[in-house]
Amino acid sequence: MLARYQPQGPTFAFGYSWQATSKQDRADSARQLKGSMNSIQEAEVRLFVSARGWIVPEAVRQLYAASELDGVRLAVGFPDLHPGSTKPVGAAFVTEDLIYPHLIGSDIGCGLALFQTDLLRREAKVERWSELRFNLEHPWEEFVNRFLEEQELESTQFDSELGTLGGGNHFAELLTIESVEDLTGLRGFGLGKQQLVLLVHSGSRELGESILDRYTTDQFSQGADSFAAREYLREHDFALRWAKANRELIARRFADAIGAESQCLWDGCHNSITPSPPAPLPSDGRGWPPRPGEGCPSLFMVSARAHEGPQVM
């Protein structure tokens, strides 16, 4: 890494070994938060962590509690699983016919984007760049209307936040390629080993927060086909496009500051809801797929990997 820009934000200390938790402890944690939640079908819970992995107990408790929500078929915790204010971060869920905006949280569309630059390693000016004020937490000083047209986005009250990082673990950093594991893949990106690349992590800023605020209930009890659910998904999809454009503009501002050009090679969202057609999931066969004569459920995948929001997958 040659240069990194990241606003100050909270950090998480992981001090818990998954192997140290008994099955009974995990079951007790789930029951404590279950309350009035009532699932017709028990969800499968999986955790991806090595034998040396460390996870905070509260994160495991929140994962099991979320698995008890109605309609949840599968709950998965990833190696970066950690507790949020009320739900786990670093997790993914498959739900049936119900949508849970609180699992996505406020930073809808948060993700990472990789950009190619026209700079080579030998052209790096690390000392000079380290003295630059990128100001990526402040509004872009140019008119945003042309950028909105370019991205085919409607103007909102949050236009001034386009091109800003936000807090938490969001960042923009300039990277060198130290080693290549897949030369074919590198060439597929059109990259050379000496080219500098730019990595950006950010989301939908206060736009996503405003969407969550309008849908304060934990779920749409009418189901995914309700008017409220359709409206949420419409606004959610707009936030995904807004967040992607935000990463594009952040990269442009960063590249401009160091006198470079940038081009997006890959953009991946890790905080979103994805409708999915029904398909069998590896499990013990409880209800997968629907029995003959039953209707096919609407499945949603939710995934959450950013600083305070899980995502549906």
C-alpha atoms as a PDB file:
ATOM      1  CA  MET A   1       0.000   0.000   0.000  1.00  0.00           C
ATOM      2  CA  LEU A   2       1.460   3.362  -1.057  1.00  0.00           C
ATOM      3  CA  ALA A   3      -1.134   5.799   0.237  1.00  0.00           C
ATOM      4  CA  ARG A   4      -4.282   5.400   2.319  1.00  0.00           C
ATOM      5  CA  TYR A   5      -7.016   7.834   3.282  1.00  0.00           C
ATOM      6  CA  GLN A   6      -9.365   6.813   6.086  1.00  0.00           C
ATOM      7  CA  PRO A   7     -11.356   8.949   8.509  1.00  0.00           C
ATOM      8  CA  GLN A   8     -11.081   8.063  12.172  1.00  0.00           C
ATOM      9  CA  GLY A   9     -13.612   5.527  13.359  1.00  0.00           C
ATOM     10  CA  PRO A  10     -14.235   2.768  15.891  1.00  0.00           C
ATOM     11  CA  THR A  11     -12.274  -0.458  15.906  1.00  0.00           C
ATOM     12  CA  PHE A  12     -13.286  -3.881  17.120  1.00  0.00           C
ATOM     13  CA  ALA A  13     -11.241  -6.144  19.389  1.00  0.00           C
ATOM     14  CA  PHE A  14     -11.943  -9.838  18.855  1.00  0.00           C
ATOM     15  CA  GLY A  15     -11.389 -11.812  22.044  1.00  0.00           C
ATOM     16  CA  TYR A  16     -13.418 -14.961  21.768  1.00  0.00           C
ATOM     17  CA  SER A  17     -12.733 -18.435  20.440  1.00  0.00           C
ATOM     18  CA  TRP A  18     -15.670 -20.140  18.752  1.00  0.00           C
ATOM     19  CA  GLN A  19     -14.465 -23.518  19.944  1.00  0.00           C
ATOM     20  CA  ALA A  20     -14.779 -22.394  23.558  1.00  0.00           C
ATOM     21  CA  THR A  21     -18.575 -22.062  23.280  1.00  0.00           C
ATOM     22  CA  SER A  22     -20.702 -25.110  23.933  1.00  0.00           C
ATOM     23  CA  LYS A  23     -23.769 -26.079  21.936  1.00  0.00           C
ATOM     24  CA  GLN A  24     -25.871 -25.540  25.072  1.00  0.00           C
ATOM     25  CA  ASP A  25     -24.521 -21.987  25.516  1.00  0.00           C
ATOM     26  CA  ARG A  26     -25.402 -21.113  21.933  1.00  0.00           C
ATOM     27  CA  ALA A  27     -28.889 -22.556  22.305  1.00  0.00           C
ATOM     28  CA  ASP A  28     -29.410 -20.590  25.539  1.00  0.00           C
ATOM     29  CA  SER A  29     -28.341 -17.360  23.817  1.00  0.00           C
ATOM     30  CA  ALA A  30     -30.791 -17.916  20.993  1.00  0.00           C
ATOM     31  CA  ARG A  31     -33.649 -18.610  23.409  1.00  0.00           C
ATOM     32  CA  GLN A  32     -32.909 -15.456  25.403  1.00  0.00           C
ATOM     33  CA  LEU A  33     -33.458 -13.237  22.356  1.00  0.00           C
ATOM     34  CA  LYS A  34     -36.183 -15.262  20.733  1.00  0.00           C
ATOM     35  CA  GLY A  35     -38.963 -13.557  22.678  1.00  0.00           C
ATOM     36  CA  SER A  36     -42.113 -13.397  20.572  1.00  0.00           C
ATOM     37  CA  MET A  37     -40.324 -14.412  17.353  1.00  0.00           C
ATOM     38  CA  ASN A  38     -41.767 -17.610  15.991  1.00  0.00           C
ATOM     39  CA  SER A  39     -40.346 -19.545  13.037  1.00  0.00           C
ATOM     40  CA  ILE A  40     -42.365 -22.290  11.409  1.00  0.00           C
ATOM     41  CA  GLN A  41     -39.150 -23.823  10.145  1.00  0.00           C
ATOM     42  CA  GLU A  42     -35.926 -23.920  12.127  1.00  0.00           C
ATOM     43  CA  ALA A  43     -33.125 -22.142  10.299  1.00  0.00           C
ATOM     44  CA  GLU A  44     -29.745 -23.668   9.600  1.00  0.00           C
ATOM     45  CA  VAL A  45     -26.859 -21.736  11.168  1.00  0.00           C
ATOM     46  CA  ARG A  46     -23.302 -21.905   9.844  1.00  0.00           C
ATOM     47  CA  LEU A  47     -20.112 -20.204  10.983  1.00  0.00           C
ATOM     48  CA  PHE A  48     -16.983 -19.940   8.852  1.00  0.00           C
ATOM     49  CA  VAL A  49     -14.002 -19.563  11.179  1.00  0.00           C
ATOM     50  CA  SER A  50     -10.684 -21.309  11.579  1.00  0.00           C
ATOM     51  CA  ALA A  51      -9.658 -23.191  14.706  1.00  0.00           C
ATOM     52  CA  ARG A  52      -7.582 -20.151  15.649  1.00  0.00           C
ATOM     53  CA  GLY A  53     -10.334 -17.645  14.903  1.00  0.00           C
ATOM     54  CA  TRP A  54     -11.587 -15.233  17.561  1.00  0.00           C
ATOM     55  CA  ILE A  55     -15.181 -14.022  17.690  1.00  0.00           C
ATOM     56  CA  VAL A  56     -16.929 -11.913  20.334  1.00  0.00           C
ATOM     57  CA  PRO A  57     -19.616 -13.944  22.163  1.00  0.00           C
ATOM     58  CA  GLU A  58     -22.216 -11.225  21.567  1.00  0.00           C
ATOM     59  CA  ALA A  59     -21.768 -11.648  17.810  1.00  0.00           C
ATOM     60  CA  VAL A  60     -22.595 -15.360  18.015  1.00  0.00           C
ATOM     61  CA  ARG A  61     -25.589 -14.594  20.215  1.00  0.00           C
ATOM     62  CA  GLN A  62     -26.880 -12.026  17.701  1.00  0.00           C
ATOM     63  CA  LEU A  63     -26.387 -14.455  14.797  1.00  0.00           C
ATOM     64  CA  TYR A  64     -28.474 -17.137  16.505  1.00  0.00           C
ATOM     65  CA  ALA A  65     -31.085 -14.578  17.538  1.00  0.00           C
ATOM     66  CA  ALA A  66     -31.419 -13.385  13.927  1.00  0.00           C
ATOM     67  CA  SER A  67     -31.803 -16.995  12.777  1.00  0.00           C
ATOM     68  CA  GLU A  68     -34.946 -17.189  14.932  1.00  0.00           C
ATOM     69  CA  LEU A  69     -36.752 -14.491  12.928  1.00  0.00           C
ATOM     70  CA  ASP A  70     -39.764 -15.668  10.953  1.00  0.00           C
ATOM     71  CA  GLY A  71     -38.909 -16.804   7.447  1.00  0.00           C
ATOM     72  CA  VAL A  72     -35.153 -17.134   7.960  1.00  0.00           C
ATOM     73  CA  ARG A  73     -33.939 -20.324   6.279  1.00  0.00           C
ATOM     74  CA  LEU A  74     -30.181 -19.951   6.599  1.00  0.00           C
ATOM     75  CA  ALA A  75     -27.901 -17.744   8.753  1.00  0.00           C
ATOM     76  CA  VAL A  76     -24.184 -17.612   8.028  1.00  0.00           C
ATOM     77  CA  GLY A  77     -21.427 -15.938  10.027  1.00  0.00           C
ATOM     78  CA  PHE A  78     -18.152 -15.074   8.302  1.00  0.00           C
ATOM     79  CA  PRO A  79     -14.636 -14.785   9.801  1.00  0.00           C
ATOM     80  CA  ASP A  80     -15.173 -11.040  10.357  1.00  0.00           C
ATOM     81  CA  LEU A  81     -18.410 -11.591  12.323  1.00  0.00           C
ATOM     82  CA  HIS A  82     -18.813  -8.978  15.037  1.00  0.00           C
ATOM     83  CA  PRO A  83     -21.719  -7.486  16.998  1.00  0.00           C
ATOM     84  CA  GLY A  84     -23.706  -4.516  15.806  1.00  0.00           C
ATOM     85  CA  SER A  85     -26.078  -2.433  17.892  1.00  0.00           C
ATOM     86  CA  THR A  86     -28.895  -4.964  17.567  1.00  0.00           C
ATOM     87  CA  LYS A  87     -27.846  -7.421  14.851  1.00  0.00           C
ATOM     88  CA  PRO A  88     -24.674  -9.169  13.685  1.00  0.00           C
ATOM     89  CA  VAL A  89     -22.298  -7.619  11.163  1.00  0.00           C
ATOM     90  CA  GLY A  90     -20.316  -9.924   8.891  1.00  0.00           C
ATOM     91  CA  ALA A  91     -23.228 -12.265   8.231  1.00  0.00           C
ATOM     92  CA  ALA A  92     -25.587 -13.369   5.476  1.00  0.00           C
ATOM     93  CA  PHE A  93     -29.145 -14.665   5.620  1.00  0.00           C
ATOM     94  CA  VAL A  94     -31.566 -16.425   3.310  1.00  0.00           C
ATOM     95  CA  THR A  95     -35.171 -15.475   4.072  1.00  0.00           C
ATOM     96  CA  GLU A  96     -38.473 -16.686   2.640  1.00  0.00           C
ATOM     97  CA  ASP A  97     -41.234 -14.226   1.724  1.00  0.00           C
ATOM     98  CA  LEU A  98     -40.185 -11.665   4.347  1.00  0.00           C
ATOM     99  CA  ILE A  99     -37.807  -8.713   4.170  1.00  0.00           C
ATOM    100  CA  TYR A 100     -35.927  -7.342   7.172  1.00  0.00           C
ATOM    101  CA  PRO A 101     -34.584  -3.793   6.541  1.00  0.00           C
ATOM    102  CA  HIS A 102     -32.919  -3.737   9.957  1.00  0.00           C
ATOM    103  CA  LEU A 103     -30.622  -6.594   8.889  1.00  0.00           C
ATOM    104  CA  ILE A 104     -29.312  -4.452   6.040  1.00  0.00           C
ATOM    105  CA  GLY A 105     -29.045  -1.428   8.273  1.00  0.00           C
ATOM    106  CA  SER A 106     -28.486   2.132   7.158  1.00  0.00           C
ATOM    107  CA  ASP A 107     -25.502   1.806   4.794  1.00  0.00           C
ATOM    108  CA  ILE A 108     -27.387   0.186   1.925  1.00  0.00           C
ATOM    109  CA  GLY A 109     -25.089  -0.621  -0.990  1.00  0.00           C
ATOM    110  CA  CYS A 110     -21.844  -0.463   0.976  1.00  0.00           C
ATOM    111  CA  GLY A 111     -19.071  -2.205  -0.900  1.00  0.00           C
ATOM    112  CA  LEU A 112     -15.610  -2.199  -2.425  1.00  0.00           C
ATOM    113  CA  ALA A 113     -14.469  -1.060  -5.860  1.00  0.00           C
ATOM    114  CA  LEU A 114     -11.131  -1.605  -7.590  1.00  0.00           C
ATOM    115  CA  PHE A 115      -9.825   0.956 -10.072  1.00  0.00           C
ATOM    116  CA  GLN A 116      -6.956   0.858 -12.523  1.00  0.00           C
ATOM    117  CA  THR A 117      -4.783   3.968 -12.712  1.00  0.00           C
ATOM    118  CA  ASP A 118      -2.457   5.156 -15.468  1.00  0.00           C
ATOM    119  CA  LEU A 119       0.467   5.307 -13.023  1.00  0.00           C
ATOM    120  CA  LEU A 120       3.321   2.817 -12.759  1.00  0.00           C
ATOM    121  CA  ARG A 121       5.129   1.839  -9.584  1.00  0.00           C
ATOM    122  CA  ARG A 122       8.271   3.769 -10.578  1.00  0.00           C
ATOM    123  CA  GLU A 123       6.165   6.938 -10.884  1.00  0.00           C
ATOM    124  CA  ALA A 124       4.987   6.801  -7.275  1.00  0.00           C
ATOM    125  CA  LYS A 125       5.689   9.959  -5.282  1.00  0.00           C
ATOM    126  CA  VAL A 126       4.940   8.661  -1.800  1.00  0.00           C
ATOM    127  CA  GLU A 127       6.448  11.542   0.179  1.00  0.00           C
ATOM    128  CA  ARG A 128       4.614  14.202  -1.824  1.00  0.00           C
ATOM    129  CA  TRP A 129       1.343  12.280  -1.816  1.00  0.00           C
ATOM    130  CA  SER A 130       1.519  11.799   1.956  1.00  0.00           C
ATOM    131  CA  GLU A 131       1.287  15.579   2.363  1.00  0.00           C
ATOM    132  CA  LEU A 132      -1.835  15.965   0.205  1.00  0.00           C
ATOM    133  CA  ARG A 133      -5.191  16.887   1.707  1.00  0.00           C
ATOM    134  CA  PHE A 134      -7.592  14.576  -0.111  1.00  0.00           C
ATOM    135  CA  ASN A 135     -10.596  15.911   1.872  1.00  0.00           C
ATOM    136  CA  LEU A 136     -12.717  12.901   0.956  1.00  0.00           C
ATOM    137  CA  GLU A 137     -14.942  13.427   3.981  1.00  0.00           C
ATOM    138  CA  HIS A 138     -15.901  16.877   2.640  1.00  0.00           C
ATOM    139  CA  PRO A 139     -18.263  17.672  -0.269  1.00  0.00           C
ATOM    140  CA  TRP A 140     -16.957  17.749  -3.807  1.00  0.00           C
ATOM    141  CA  GLU A 141     -16.286  21.341  -4.829  1.00  0.00           C
ATOM    142  CA  GLU A 142     -17.471  20.904  -8.410  1.00  0.00           C
ATOM    143  CA  PHE A 143     -21.038  20.873  -9.690  1.00  0.00           C
ATOM    144  CA  VAL A 144     -22.534  17.435  -9.190  1.00  0.00           C
ATOM    145  CA  ASN A 145     -25.338  17.728 -11.789  1.00  0.00           C
ATOM    146  CA  ARG A 146     -23.143  16.589 -14.678  1.00  0.00           C
ATOM    147  CA  PHE A 147     -21.960  13.585 -12.670  1.00  0.00           C
ATOM    148  CA  LEU A 148     -25.553  12.660 -11.814  1.00  0.00           C
ATOM    149  CA  GLU A 149     -26.457  12.738 -15.515  1.00  0.00           C
ATOM    150  CA  GLU A 150     -23.418  10.648 -16.351  1.00  0.00           C
ATOM    151  CA  GLN A 151     -24.487   8.039 -13.773  1.00  0.00           C
ATOM    152  CA  GLU A 152     -28.187   8.294 -14.718  1.00  0.00           C
ATOM    153  CA  LEU A 153     -29.139   9.169 -11.146  1.00  0.00           C
ATOM    154  CA  GLU A 154     -31.913  11.427  -9.937  1.00  0.00           C
ATOM    155  CA  SER A 155     -31.003  14.416  -7.817  1.00  0.00           C
ATOM    156  CA  THR A 156     -31.721  14.031  -4.074  1.00  0.00           C
ATOM    157  CA  GLN A 157     -31.209  16.089  -0.948  1.00  0.00           C
ATOM    158  CA  PHE A 158     -28.003  14.110  -0.438  1.00  0.00           C
ATOM    159  CA  ASP A 159     -26.216  15.223  -3.629  1.00  0.00           C
ATOM    160  CA  SER A 160     -23.517  16.982  -1.576  1.00  0.00           C
ATOM    161  CA  GLU A 161     -22.497  13.643  -0.054  1.00  0.00           C
ATOM    162  CA  LEU A 162     -21.595  12.070  -3.383  1.00  0.00           C
ATOM    163  CA  GLY A 163     -17.863  11.461  -3.499  1.00  0.00           C
ATOM    164  CA  THR A 164     -17.426  11.317   0.294  1.00  0.00           C
ATOM    165  CA  LEU A 165     -16.200   8.330   2.288  1.00  0.00           C
ATOM    166  CA  GLY A 166     -18.150   8.457   5.533  1.00  0.00           C
ATOM    167  CA  GLY A 167     -16.890   7.033   8.813  1.00  0.00           C
ATOM    168  CA  GLY A 168     -16.274   3.631  10.305  1.00  0.00           C
ATOM    169  CA  ASN A 169     -13.905   1.424   8.325  1.00  0.00           C
ATOM    170  CA  HIS A 170     -14.411   3.199   5.002  1.00  0.00           C
ATOM    171  CA  PHE A 171     -11.233   4.101   3.127  1.00  0.00           C
ATOM    172  CA  ALA A 172      -9.555   4.853  -0.196  1.00  0.00           C
ATOM    173  CA  GLU A 173      -6.065   3.541  -0.786  1.00  0.00           C
ATOM    174  CA  LEU A 174      -3.493   3.314  -3.563  1.00  0.00           C
ATOM    175  CA  LEU A 175      -1.943  -0.138  -3.945  1.00  0.00           C
ATOM    176  CA  THR A 176       0.948  -1.840  -5.677  1.00  0.00           C
ATOM    177  CA  ILE A 177       0.794  -5.402  -7.012  1.00  0.00           C
ATOM    178  CA  GLU A 178       3.284  -7.361  -4.916  1.00  0.00           C
ATOM    179  CA  SER A 179       2.556 -10.884  -6.133  1.00  0.00           C
ATOM    180  CA  VAL A 180       0.277 -12.526  -8.698  1.00  0.00           C
ATOM    181  CA  GLU A 181      -1.589 -15.751  -7.912  1.00  0.00           C
ATOM    182  CA  ASP A 182      -3.579 -15.831 -11.162  1.00  0.00           C
ATOM    183  CA  LEU A 183      -1.766 -14.313 -14.132  1.00  0.00           C
ATOM    184  CA  THR A 184      -4.701 -15.041 -16.465  1.00  0.00           C
ATOM    185  CA  GLY A 185      -7.050 -13.186 -14.146  1.00  0.00           C
ATOM    186  CA  LEU A 186      -4.670 -10.236 -13.960  1.00  0.00           C
ATOM    187  CA  ARG A 187      -4.484 -10.044 -17.732  1.00  0.00           C
ATOM    188  CA  GLY A 188      -8.258 -10.334 -17.871  1.00  0.00           C
ATOM    189  CA  PHE A 189      -8.434  -7.083 -15.954  1.00  0.00           C
ATOM    190  CA  GLY A 190      -6.041  -5.544 -18.458  1.00  0.00           C
ATOM    191  CA  LEU A 191      -3.526  -4.868 -15.695  1.00  0.00           C
ATOM    192  CA  GLY A 192       0.228  -4.943 -15.787  1.00  0.00           C
ATOM    193  CA  LYS A 193       2.309  -5.998 -12.789  1.00  0.00           C
ATOM    194  CA  GLN A 194       3.757  -2.492 -12.436  1.00  0.00           C
ATOM    195  CA  GLN A 195       0.464  -0.599 -12.525  1.00  0.00           C
ATOM    196  CA  LEU A 196      -0.884   1.097  -9.423  1.00  0.00           C
ATOM    197  CA  VAL A 197      -4.475   0.358  -8.469  1.00  0.00           C
ATOM    198  CA  LEU A 198      -6.959   2.197  -6.265  1.00  0.00           C
ATOM    199  CA  LEU A 199      -9.283   0.456  -3.796  1.00  0.00           C
ATOM    200  CA  VAL A 200     -12.335   2.265  -2.370  1.00  0.00           C
ATOM    201  CA  HIS A 201     -14.661   1.151   0.444  1.00  0.00           C
ATOM    202  CA  SER A 202     -17.813   3.238   0.972  1.00  0.00           C
ATOM    203  CA  GLY A 203     -21.607   3.147   0.682  1.00  0.00           C
ATOM    204  CA  SER A 204     -24.765   5.231   0.401  1.00  0.00           C
ATOM    205  CA  ARG A 205     -24.047   7.637   3.276  1.00  0.00           C
ATOM    206  CA  GLU A 206     -27.104   9.451   4.695  1.00  0.00           C
ATOM    207  CA  LEU A 207     -29.237   8.425   1.719  1.00  0.00           C
ATOM    208  CA  GLY A 208     -29.285   4.845   3.000  1.00  0.00           C
ATOM    209  CA  GLU A 209     -29.922   6.016   6.541  1.00  0.00           C
ATOM    210  CA  SER A 210     -32.930   8.046   5.396  1.00  0.00           C
ATOM    211  CA  ILE A 211     -34.372   4.969   3.670  1.00  0.00           C
ATOM    212  CA  LEU A 212     -34.027   2.846   6.807  1.00  0.00           C
ATOM    213  CA  ASP A 213     -35.658   5.607   8.873  1.00  0.00           C
ATOM    214  CA  ARG A 214     -38.746   5.432   6.661  1.00  0.00           C
ATOM    215  CA  TYR A 215     -39.095   1.709   7.318  1.00  0.00           C
ATOM    216  CA  THR A 216     -38.718   1.492  11.055  1.00  0.00           C
ATOM    217  CA  THR A 217     -40.427  -1.867  11.576  1.00  0.00           C
ATOM    218  CA  ASP A 218     -38.183  -4.913  11.678  1.00  0.00           C
ATOM    219  CA  GLN A 219     -40.130  -6.741   9.004  1.00  0.00           C
ATOM    220  CA  PHE A 220     -42.982  -6.426   6.512  1.00  0.00           C
ATOM    221  CA  SER A 221     -45.582  -8.698   8.055  1.00  0.00           C
ATOM    222  CA  GLN A 222     -47.652  -8.559   4.846  1.00  0.00           C
ATOM    223  CA  GLY A 223     -44.818 -10.355   3.058  1.00  0.00           C
ATOM    224  CA  ALA A 224     -42.477  -9.480   0.239  1.00  0.00           C
ATOM    225  CA  ASP A 225     -45.362  -8.727  -2.138  1.00  0.00           C
ATOM    226  CA  SER A 226     -46.776  -5.962   0.066  1.00  0.00           C
ATOM    227  CA  PHE A 227     -46.762  -2.342  -1.083  1.00  0.00           C
ATOM    228  CA  ALA A 228     -44.346  -1.384   1.720  1.00  0.00           C
ATOM    229  CA  ALA A 229     -41.905  -4.122   0.733  1.00  0.00           C
ATOM    230  CA  ARG A 230     -42.004  -3.161  -2.946  1.00  0.00           C
ATOM    231  CA  GLU A 231     -41.392   0.485  -2.056  1.00  0.00           C
ATOM    232  CA  TYR A 232     -38.480  -0.433   0.190  1.00  0.00           C
ATOM    233  CA  LEU A 233     -36.892  -2.566  -2.533  1.00  0.00           C
ATOM    234  CA  ARG A 234     -37.328   0.255  -5.057  1.00  0.00           C
ATOM    235  CA  GLU A 235     -35.535   2.714  -2.783  1.00  0.00           C
ATOM    236  CA  HIS A 236     -32.991   0.044  -1.824  1.00  0.00           C
ATOM    237  CA  ASP A 237     -32.114  -0.504  -5.502  1.00  0.00           C
ATOM    238  CA  PHE A 238     -31.651   3.238  -6.021  1.00  0.00           C
ATOM    239  CA  ALA A 239     -29.317   3.335  -3.018  1.00  0.00           C
ATOM    240  CA  LEU A 240     -27.258   0.513  -4.572  1.00  0.00           C
ATOM    241  CA  ARG A 241     -26.720   2.557  -7.739  1.00  0.00           C
ATOM    242  CA  TRP A 242     -26.025   5.700  -5.693  1.00  0.00           C
ATOM    243  CA  ALA A 243     -23.422   3.881  -3.584  1.00  0.00           C
ATOM    244  CA  LYS A 244     -21.684   2.512  -6.681  1.00  0.00           C
ATOM    245  CA  ALA A 245     -21.560   6.015  -8.165  1.00  0.00           C
ATOM    246  CA  ASN A 246     -20.237   7.319  -4.852  1.00  0.00           C
ATOM    247  CA  ARG A 247     -17.276   4.928  -5.034  1.00  0.00           C
ATOM    248  CA  GLU A 248     -16.683   6.026  -8.628  1.00  0.00           C
ATOM    249  CA  LEU A 249     -16.527   9.691  -7.643  1.00  0.00           C
ATOM    250  CA  ILE A 250     -14.328   9.005  -4.607  1.00  0.00           C
ATOM    251  CA  ALA A 251     -11.842   7.260  -6.900  1.00  0.00           C
ATOM    252  CA  ARG A 252     -11.993  10.157  -9.346  1.00  0.00           C
ATOM    253  CA  ARG A 253     -11.295  12.684  -6.587  1.00  0.00           C
ATOM    254  CA  PHE A 254      -8.429  10.596  -5.200  1.00  0.00           C
ATOM    255  CA  ALA A 255      -6.891  10.117  -8.658  1.00  0.00           C
ATOM    256  CA  ASP A 256      -7.236  13.819  -9.486  1.00  0.00           C
ATOM    257  CA  ALA A 257      -5.373  14.702  -6.302  1.00  0.00           C
ATOM    258  CA  ILE A 258      -2.326  12.675  -7.372  1.00  0.00           C
ATOM    259  CA  GLY A 259      -2.556  13.662 -11.034  1.00  0.00           C
ATOM    260  CA  ALA A 260      -3.810  10.338 -12.345  1.00  0.00           C
ATOM    261  CA  GLU A 261      -6.709   8.863 -14.298  1.00  0.00           C
ATOM    262  CA  SER A 262      -8.804   5.976 -12.965  1.00  0.00           C
ATOM    263  CA  GLN A 263     -11.039   3.337 -14.520  1.00  0.00           C
ATOM    264  CA  CYS A 264     -13.265   0.923 -12.602  1.00  0.00           C
ATOM    265  CA  LEU A 265     -12.283  -2.719 -13.002  1.00  0.00           C
ATOM    266  CA  TRP A 266     -14.635  -4.295 -10.476  1.00  0.00           C
ATOM    267  CA  ASP A 267     -17.306  -3.174  -8.029  1.00  0.00           C
ATOM    268  CA  GLY A 268     -18.733  -5.466  -5.363  1.00  0.00           C
ATOM    269  CA  CYS A 269     -21.568  -4.625  -2.978  1.00  0.00           C
ATOM    270  CA  HIS A 270     -21.595  -6.462   0.357  1.00  0.00           C
ATOM    271  CA  ASN A 271     -24.616  -4.850   1.992  1.00  0.00           C
ATOM    272  CA  SER A 272     -27.787  -5.513   0.040  1.00  0.00           C
ATOM    273  CA  ILE A 273     -30.865  -7.651  -0.567  1.00  0.00           C
ATOM    274  CA  THR A 274     -30.922  -9.943  -3.584  1.00  0.00           C
ATOM    275  CA  PRO A 275     -34.168 -11.675  -4.642  1.00  0.00           C
ATOM    276  CA  SER A 276     -33.432 -15.240  -5.635  1.00  0.00           C
ATOM    277  CA  PRO A 277     -35.498 -17.984  -7.308  1.00  0.00           C
ATOM    278  CA  PRO A 278     -36.164 -20.948  -5.029  1.00  0.00           C
ATOM    279  CA  ALA A 279     -33.479 -23.612  -5.120  1.00  0.00           C
ATOM    280  CA  PRO A 280     -32.491 -26.466  -2.802  1.00  0.00           C
ATOM    281  CA  LEU A 281     -29.940 -25.558  -0.143  1.00  0.00           C
ATOM    282  CA  PRO A 282     -27.641 -28.089   1.497  1.00  0.00           C
ATOM    283  CA  SER A 283     -29.412 -29.015   4.730  1.00  0.00           C
ATOM    284  CA  ASP A 284     -31.116 -31.907   6.436  1.00  0.00           C
ATOM    285  CA  GLY A 285     -34.021 -31.818   3.987  1.00  0.00           C
ATOM    286  CA  ARG A 286     -36.536 -29.980   6.162  1.00  0.00           C
ATOM    287  CA  GLY A 287     -38.804 -28.425   3.577  1.00  0.00           C
ATOM    288  CA  TRP A 288     -36.286 -27.961   0.738  1.00  0.00           C
ATOM    289  CA  PRO A 289     -37.663 -27.725  -1.902  1.00  0.00           C
ATOM    290  CA  PRO A 290     -41.450 -27.237  -1.387  1.00  0.00           C
ATOM    291  CA  ARG A 291     -43.482 -30.401  -1.553  1.00  0.00           C
ATOM    292  CA  PRO A 292     -45.528 -31.049  -4.722  1.00  0.00           C
ATOM    293  CA  GLY A 293     -48.590 -28.825  -4.822  1.00  0.00           C
ATOM    294  CA  GLU A 294     -47.064 -26.100  -2.662  1.00  0.00           C
ATOM    295  CA  GLY A 295     -46.296 -22.651  -4.037  1.00  0.00           C
ATOM    296  CA  CYS A 296     -42.673 -21.650  -4.550  1.00  0.00           C
ATOM    297  CA  PRO A 297     -41.516 -19.156  -1.908  1.00  0.00           C
ATOM    298  CA  SER A 298     -39.830 -15.856  -2.682  1.00  0.00           C
ATOM    299  CA  LEU A 299     -36.272 -16.135  -1.388  1.00  0.00           C
ATOM    300  CA  PHE A 300     -34.063 -13.201  -0.431  1.00  0.00           C
ATOM    301  CA  MET A 301     -30.372 -13.199   0.317  1.00  0.00           C
ATOM    302  CA  VAL A 302     -29.169 -10.602   2.803  1.00  0.00           C
ATOM    303  CA  SER A 303     -25.497  -9.886   3.385  1.00  0.00           C
ATOM    304  CA  ALA A 304     -23.842  -7.534   5.878  1.00  0.00           C
ATOM    305  CA  ARG A 305     -20.118  -6.910   5.954  1.00  0.00           C
ATOM    306  CA  ALA A 306     -19.664  -3.182   6.506  1.00  0.00           C
ATOM    307  CA  HIS A 307     -19.398  -1.026   9.590  1.00  0.00           C
ATOM    308  CA  GLU A 308     -22.976  -1.389  10.827  1.00  0.00           C
ATOM    309  CA  GLY A 309     -25.101  -3.256   8.361  1.00  0.00           C
ATOM    310  CA  PRO A 310     -25.593  -6.853   7.285  1.00  0.00           C
ATOM    311  CA  GLN A 311     -26.705  -7.865   3.785  1.00  0.00           C
ATOM    312  CA  VAL A 312     -29.324 -10.247   2.405  1.00  0.00           C
ATOM    313  CA  MET A 313     -28.204 -12.780  -0.136  1.00  0.00           C
END
